[in-house]
Amino acid sequence: MSASASARPPTKLRVKAGDSITVKEAVLAMIVLSANDVATAVGEKIGGSEEGFAALMTRKARSLGMLNTTFFNASGLPHDQQFTTARDMSTLGVALIRDFPKDYELFATKSFAFQIGR
């Protein structure tokens, strides 16, 4: 967890800079809590930076046919140039169900246990 990710505004998992969490904890934190700190950390890990990840997300959105979506951060926090439409989010949801049917059940998760400073 970088200092930048750890400092993101709530909602957050409250992982301290320098600590780490598992991929499963990260996924569940993003699904259940909409954890902005975790979304930023995942974006930094995958994209090299949150901005790099946002560019990857935008390219993927275009490849899925999401022509009215541009990402500038990993969390969905407000950004003047970030935008999407309900139609594009529906396109994303359909692709998620189609391409990852076994993982889709994770989105039914209502809670999970996470112990800070394990």
N, C-alpha and C. Protein backbone atom coordinates (compact mmCIF):
# COMPACT_ATOMS: atom_id res chain seq x y z
N MET A 1 0.85 -1.17 0.00
CA MET A 1 0.00 0.00 0.00
C MET A 1 0.90 1.23 0.00
N SER A 2 0.74 2.05 -1.01
CA SER A 2 1.55 3.27 -1.09
C SER A 2 0.97 4.34 -0.17
N ALA A 3 1.75 5.36 0.09
CA ALA A 3 1.28 6.49 0.90
C ALA A 3 0.12 7.18 0.19
N SER A 4 0.21 7.29 -1.13
CA SER A 4 -0.86 7.92 -1.91
C SER A 4 -2.16 7.13 -1.79
N ALA A 5 -2.07 5.81 -1.92
CA ALA A 5 -3.27 4.97 -1.81
C ALA A 5 -3.84 5.04 -0.41
N SER A 6 -2.98 4.96 0.59
CA SER A 6 -3.42 4.98 1.98
C SER A 6 -4.12 6.29 2.34
N ALA A 7 -3.76 7.37 1.66
CA ALA A 7 -4.31 8.68 1.95
C ALA A 7 -5.63 8.98 1.23
N ARG A 8 -6.09 8.09 0.37
CA ARG A 8 -7.33 8.34 -0.37
C ARG A 8 -8.48 8.54 0.60
N PRO A 9 -9.44 9.39 0.24
CA PRO A 9 -10.56 9.63 1.15
C PRO A 9 -11.46 8.39 1.29
N PRO A 10 -12.21 8.38 2.39
CA PRO A 10 -13.11 7.24 2.63
C PRO A 10 -14.07 7.11 1.47
N THR A 11 -14.56 6.00 1.22
CA THR A 11 -14.57 4.77 2.00
C THR A 11 -13.23 4.06 1.81
N LYS A 12 -12.72 3.46 2.89
CA LYS A 12 -11.42 2.83 2.80
C LYS A 12 -11.31 1.67 3.76
N LEU A 13 -10.34 0.79 3.48
CA LEU A 13 -10.06 -0.35 4.33
C LEU A 13 -9.12 0.06 5.46
N ARG A 14 -8.45 1.17 5.30
CA ARG A 14 -7.53 1.73 6.31
C ARG A 14 -6.26 0.89 6.49
N VAL A 15 -5.70 0.47 5.36
CA VAL A 15 -4.41 -0.22 5.38
C VAL A 15 -3.34 0.86 5.39
N LYS A 16 -2.35 0.70 6.24
CA LYS A 16 -1.29 1.70 6.35
C LYS A 16 -0.30 1.59 5.20
N ALA A 17 0.30 2.71 4.86
CA ALA A 17 1.35 2.73 3.84
C ALA A 17 2.44 1.75 4.23
N GLY A 18 2.87 0.94 3.27
CA GLY A 18 3.91 -0.06 3.50
C GLY A 18 3.37 -1.43 3.84
N ASP A 19 2.11 -1.51 4.27
CA ASP A 19 1.49 -2.81 4.56
C ASP A 19 0.96 -3.43 3.27
N SER A 20 0.61 -4.69 3.34
CA SER A 20 0.06 -5.36 2.16
C SER A 20 -1.16 -6.18 2.56
N ILE A 21 -1.97 -6.50 1.56
CA ILE A 21 -3.14 -7.34 1.75
C ILE A 21 -3.17 -8.35 0.62
N THR A 22 -3.98 -9.39 0.76
CA THR A 22 -4.08 -10.40 -0.29
C THR A 22 -4.95 -9.88 -1.43
N VAL A 23 -4.85 -10.52 -2.57
CA VAL A 23 -5.68 -10.16 -3.72
C VAL A 23 -7.15 -10.37 -3.36
N LYS A 24 -7.46 -11.48 -2.69
CA LYS A 24 -8.86 -11.74 -2.33
C LYS A 24 -9.38 -10.65 -1.39
N GLU A 25 -8.58 -10.24 -0.41
CA GLU A 25 -9.00 -9.15 0.48
C GLU A 25 -9.23 -7.86 -0.32
N ALA A 26 -8.36 -7.61 -1.28
CA ALA A 26 -8.50 -6.41 -2.11
C ALA A 26 -9.79 -6.45 -2.91
N VAL A 27 -10.06 -7.57 -3.54
CA VAL A 27 -11.28 -7.70 -4.35
C VAL A 27 -12.52 -7.51 -3.47
N LEU A 28 -12.54 -8.19 -2.33
CA LEU A 28 -13.70 -8.08 -1.45
C LEU A 28 -13.85 -6.67 -0.88
N ALA A 29 -12.74 -6.01 -0.57
CA ALA A 29 -12.80 -4.63 -0.07
C ALA A 29 -13.39 -3.70 -1.11
N MET A 30 -13.02 -3.90 -2.36
CA MET A 30 -13.56 -3.06 -3.43
C MET A 30 -15.04 -3.35 -3.67
N ILE A 31 -15.42 -4.63 -3.61
CA ILE A 31 -16.81 -5.00 -3.85
C ILE A 31 -17.71 -4.57 -2.69
N VAL A 32 -17.34 -4.95 -1.48
CA VAL A 32 -18.20 -4.74 -0.31
C VAL A 32 -18.15 -3.31 0.21
N LEU A 33 -16.96 -2.73 0.26
CA LEU A 33 -16.78 -1.41 0.87
C LEU A 33 -16.58 -0.27 -0.12
N SER A 34 -16.41 -0.60 -1.39
CA SER A 34 -16.00 0.41 -2.38
C SER A 34 -14.75 1.13 -1.88
N ALA A 35 -13.80 0.37 -1.39
CA ALA A 35 -12.61 0.91 -0.72
C ALA A 35 -11.70 1.66 -1.71
N ASN A 36 -11.71 2.97 -1.61
CA ASN A 36 -10.93 3.82 -2.51
C ASN A 36 -9.43 3.62 -2.33
N ASP A 37 -8.99 3.40 -1.10
CA ASP A 37 -7.56 3.18 -0.88
C ASP A 37 -7.09 1.91 -1.57
N VAL A 38 -7.90 0.87 -1.50
CA VAL A 38 -7.54 -0.41 -2.12
C VAL A 38 -7.61 -0.29 -3.64
N ALA A 39 -8.63 0.37 -4.16
CA ALA A 39 -8.73 0.55 -5.62
C ALA A 39 -7.49 1.28 -6.15
N THR A 40 -7.05 2.30 -5.43
CA THR A 40 -5.85 3.02 -5.84
C THR A 40 -4.62 2.12 -5.79
N ALA A 41 -4.48 1.35 -4.72
CA ALA A 41 -3.33 0.45 -4.59
C ALA A 41 -3.31 -0.60 -5.69
N VAL A 42 -4.46 -1.17 -5.99
CA VAL A 42 -4.55 -2.17 -7.07
C VAL A 42 -4.19 -1.52 -8.41
N GLY A 43 -4.72 -0.32 -8.63
CA GLY A 43 -4.40 0.40 -9.86
C GLY A 43 -2.92 0.67 -10.00
N GLU A 44 -2.29 1.07 -8.90
CA GLU A 44 -0.84 1.32 -8.94
C GLU A 44 -0.07 0.04 -9.24
N LYS A 45 -0.49 -1.06 -8.67
CA LYS A 45 0.20 -2.33 -8.86
C LYS A 45 0.07 -2.81 -10.31
N ILE A 46 -1.13 -2.73 -10.86
CA ILE A 46 -1.37 -3.24 -12.21
C ILE A 46 -0.88 -2.27 -13.29
N GLY A 47 -1.13 -0.98 -13.09
CA GLY A 47 -0.82 0.00 -14.13
C GLY A 47 0.47 0.75 -13.95
N GLY A 48 1.20 0.47 -12.87
CA GLY A 48 2.44 1.20 -12.60
C GLY A 48 2.18 2.51 -11.87
N SER A 49 1.00 3.06 -12.07
CA SER A 49 0.53 4.26 -11.39
C SER A 49 -0.98 4.25 -11.52
N GLU A 50 -1.64 5.06 -10.71
CA GLU A 50 -3.11 5.11 -10.84
C GLU A 50 -3.49 5.67 -12.21
N GLU A 51 -2.75 6.65 -12.70
CA GLU A 51 -3.03 7.22 -14.01
C GLU A 51 -2.82 6.19 -15.11
N GLY A 52 -1.75 5.38 -14.98
CA GLY A 52 -1.51 4.32 -15.96
C GLY A 52 -2.63 3.30 -15.96
N PHE A 53 -3.13 2.97 -14.78
CA PHE A 53 -4.23 2.03 -14.69
C PHE A 53 -5.50 2.62 -15.30
N ALA A 54 -5.76 3.89 -15.05
CA ALA A 54 -6.93 4.54 -15.63
C ALA A 54 -6.88 4.49 -17.16
N ALA A 55 -5.69 4.67 -17.71
CA ALA A 55 -5.53 4.57 -19.17
C ALA A 55 -5.82 3.15 -19.65
N LEU A 56 -5.34 2.15 -18.90
CA LEU A 56 -5.65 0.75 -19.24
C LEU A 56 -7.15 0.49 -19.16
N MET A 57 -7.79 1.02 -18.12
CA MET A 57 -9.24 0.84 -17.98
C MET A 57 -9.98 1.48 -19.15
N THR A 58 -9.56 2.65 -19.56
CA THR A 58 -10.21 3.33 -20.67
C THR A 58 -10.03 2.55 -21.96
N ARG A 59 -8.83 2.01 -22.20
CA ARG A 59 -8.61 1.19 -23.40
C ARG A 59 -9.50 -0.05 -23.38
N LYS A 60 -9.60 -0.70 -22.22
CA LYS A 60 -10.46 -1.87 -22.10
C LYS A 60 -11.92 -1.49 -22.31
N ALA A 61 -12.33 -0.35 -21.77
CA ALA A 61 -13.69 0.12 -21.97
C ALA A 61 -14.00 0.26 -23.46
N ARG A 62 -13.09 0.88 -24.19
CA ARG A 62 -13.29 1.05 -25.64
C ARG A 62 -13.40 -0.30 -26.33
N SER A 63 -12.57 -1.27 -25.94
CA SER A 63 -12.60 -2.59 -26.59
C SER A 63 -13.91 -3.32 -26.30
N LEU A 64 -14.57 -2.97 -25.21
CA LEU A 64 -15.87 -3.57 -24.87
C LEU A 64 -17.03 -2.82 -25.52
N GLY A 65 -16.73 -1.71 -26.19
CA GLY A 65 -17.78 -0.91 -26.83
C GLY A 65 -18.30 0.21 -25.95
N MET A 66 -17.61 0.50 -24.87
CA MET A 66 -17.99 1.59 -23.96
C MET A 66 -17.40 2.89 -24.50
N LEU A 67 -18.10 3.50 -25.43
CA LEU A 67 -17.57 4.65 -26.15
C LEU A 67 -17.75 5.97 -25.41
N ASN A 68 -18.55 5.98 -24.36
CA ASN A 68 -18.83 7.21 -23.61
C ASN A 68 -18.28 7.14 -22.19
N THR A 69 -17.16 6.47 -22.03
CA THR A 69 -16.53 6.34 -20.72
C THR A 69 -15.04 6.66 -20.84
N THR A 70 -14.56 7.49 -19.94
CA THR A 70 -13.13 7.77 -19.82
C THR A 70 -12.80 7.79 -18.34
N PHE A 71 -11.80 7.02 -17.95
CA PHE A 71 -11.39 6.93 -16.56
C PHE A 71 -10.14 7.77 -16.32
N PHE A 72 -10.06 8.41 -15.15
CA PHE A 72 -8.88 9.14 -14.73
C PHE A 72 -8.37 8.70 -13.38
N ASN A 73 -9.10 7.78 -12.73
CA ASN A 73 -8.63 7.19 -11.48
C ASN A 73 -9.22 5.78 -11.35
N ALA A 74 -8.73 5.04 -10.40
CA ALA A 74 -9.14 3.64 -10.23
C ALA A 74 -10.39 3.49 -9.39
N SER A 75 -10.73 4.50 -8.62
CA SER A 75 -11.78 4.36 -7.62
C SER A 75 -13.15 4.87 -8.05
N GLY A 76 -13.18 5.72 -9.04
CA GLY A 76 -14.44 6.35 -9.40
C GLY A 76 -14.70 7.64 -8.62
N LEU A 77 -13.72 8.06 -7.80
CA LEU A 77 -13.85 9.34 -7.11
C LEU A 77 -13.96 10.46 -8.16
N PRO A 78 -14.60 11.56 -7.80
CA PRO A 78 -14.81 12.64 -8.77
C PRO A 78 -13.51 13.13 -9.40
N HIS A 79 -13.59 13.39 -10.68
CA HIS A 79 -12.51 13.98 -11.47
C HIS A 79 -13.20 14.76 -12.59
N ASP A 80 -12.78 15.97 -12.84
CA ASP A 80 -13.44 16.84 -13.81
C ASP A 80 -13.58 16.21 -15.20
N GLN A 81 -12.63 15.37 -15.59
CA GLN A 81 -12.64 14.81 -16.95
C GLN A 81 -13.11 13.36 -17.00
N GLN A 82 -13.43 12.78 -15.86
CA GLN A 82 -13.87 11.38 -15.83
C GLN A 82 -15.38 11.34 -16.04
N PHE A 83 -15.81 10.45 -16.94
CA PHE A 83 -17.24 10.36 -17.19
C PHE A 83 -17.60 8.95 -17.68
N THR A 84 -18.87 8.63 -17.54
CA THR A 84 -19.42 7.38 -18.05
C THR A 84 -20.91 7.57 -18.21
N THR A 85 -21.56 6.55 -18.74
CA THR A 85 -23.02 6.56 -18.88
C THR A 85 -23.57 5.27 -18.27
N ALA A 86 -24.84 5.29 -17.96
CA ALA A 86 -25.51 4.08 -17.46
C ALA A 86 -25.41 2.97 -18.51
N ARG A 87 -25.53 3.33 -19.76
CA ARG A 87 -25.44 2.33 -20.84
C ARG A 87 -24.06 1.66 -20.85
N ASP A 88 -23.01 2.46 -20.71
CA ASP A 88 -21.66 1.89 -20.69
C ASP A 88 -21.45 1.00 -19.47
N MET A 89 -21.97 1.40 -18.31
CA MET A 89 -21.84 0.56 -17.12
C MET A 89 -22.61 -0.74 -17.28
N SER A 90 -23.73 -0.69 -17.99
CA SER A 90 -24.49 -1.91 -18.30
C SER A 90 -23.67 -2.81 -19.22
N THR A 91 -23.01 -2.22 -20.19
CA THR A 91 -22.13 -2.98 -21.09
C THR A 91 -21.03 -3.67 -20.28
N LEU A 92 -20.46 -2.97 -19.32
CA LEU A 92 -19.43 -3.55 -18.46
C LEU A 92 -19.98 -4.71 -17.65
N GLY A 93 -21.16 -4.54 -17.07
CA GLY A 93 -21.78 -5.61 -16.29
C GLY A 93 -22.06 -6.85 -17.11
N VAL A 94 -22.55 -6.67 -18.32
CA VAL A 94 -22.81 -7.81 -19.21
C VAL A 94 -21.51 -8.53 -19.55
N ALA A 95 -20.46 -7.77 -19.82
CA ALA A 95 -19.15 -8.38 -20.13
C ALA A 95 -18.61 -9.14 -18.93
N LEU A 96 -18.79 -8.61 -17.75
CA LEU A 96 -18.32 -9.27 -16.54
C LEU A 96 -19.01 -10.63 -16.36
N ILE A 97 -20.31 -10.65 -16.51
CA ILE A 97 -21.07 -11.90 -16.38
C ILE A 97 -20.67 -12.88 -17.48
N ARG A 98 -20.54 -12.40 -18.70
CA ARG A 98 -20.19 -13.24 -19.84
C ARG A 98 -18.77 -13.81 -19.75
N ASP A 99 -17.82 -12.96 -19.39
CA ASP A 99 -16.41 -13.35 -19.44
C ASP A 99 -15.89 -13.98 -18.15
N PHE A 100 -16.57 -13.73 -17.04
CA PHE A 100 -16.11 -14.25 -15.75
C PHE A 100 -17.28 -14.82 -14.94
N PRO A 101 -17.99 -15.80 -15.51
CA PRO A 101 -19.20 -16.29 -14.82
C PRO A 101 -18.92 -16.90 -13.44
N LYS A 102 -17.78 -17.52 -13.27
CA LYS A 102 -17.46 -18.12 -11.97
C LYS A 102 -17.12 -17.06 -10.92
N ASP A 103 -16.59 -15.94 -11.34
CA ASP A 103 -16.22 -14.88 -10.41
C ASP A 103 -17.38 -13.94 -10.11
N TYR A 104 -18.40 -13.96 -10.94
CA TYR A 104 -19.52 -13.03 -10.77
C TYR A 104 -20.19 -13.18 -9.41
N GLU A 105 -20.20 -14.38 -8.86
CA GLU A 105 -20.84 -14.61 -7.56
C GLU A 105 -20.21 -13.79 -6.44
N LEU A 106 -18.97 -13.38 -6.62
CA LEU A 106 -18.33 -12.53 -5.61
C LEU A 106 -19.12 -11.25 -5.35
N PHE A 107 -19.84 -10.77 -6.36
CA PHE A 107 -20.58 -9.52 -6.22
C PHE A 107 -21.81 -9.65 -5.34
N ALA A 108 -22.13 -10.87 -4.93
CA ALA A 108 -23.22 -11.09 -3.97
C ALA A 108 -22.72 -11.01 -2.53
N THR A 109 -21.42 -10.88 -2.34
CA THR A 109 -20.84 -10.81 -1.00
C THR A 109 -21.32 -9.55 -0.28
N LYS A 110 -21.85 -9.74 0.92
CA LYS A 110 -22.38 -8.61 1.69
C LYS A 110 -21.42 -8.12 2.76
N SER A 111 -20.52 -8.99 3.21
CA SER A 111 -19.55 -8.60 4.24
C SER A 111 -18.37 -9.55 4.20
N PHE A 112 -17.28 -9.13 4.83
CA PHE A 112 -16.12 -9.99 4.99
C PHE A 112 -15.33 -9.49 6.19
N ALA A 113 -14.57 -10.38 6.77
CA ALA A 113 -13.78 -10.03 7.95
C ALA A 113 -12.37 -9.64 7.53
N PHE A 114 -11.95 -8.49 7.99
CA PHE A 114 -10.58 -8.03 7.72
C PHE A 114 -10.04 -7.49 9.02
N GLN A 115 -8.90 -7.98 9.40
CA GLN A 115 -8.28 -7.54 10.64
C GLN A 115 -7.12 -6.64 10.33
N ILE A 116 -7.24 -5.36 10.68
CA ILE A 116 -6.18 -4.39 10.45
C ILE A 116 -4.98 -4.76 11.33
N GLY A 117 -3.80 -4.72 10.73
CA GLY A 117 -2.58 -4.98 11.47
C GLY A 117 -2.44 -6.42 11.93
N ARG A 118 -2.87 -7.32 11.05
CA ARG A 118 -2.84 -8.76 11.39
C ARG A 118 -1.55 -9.16 11.98
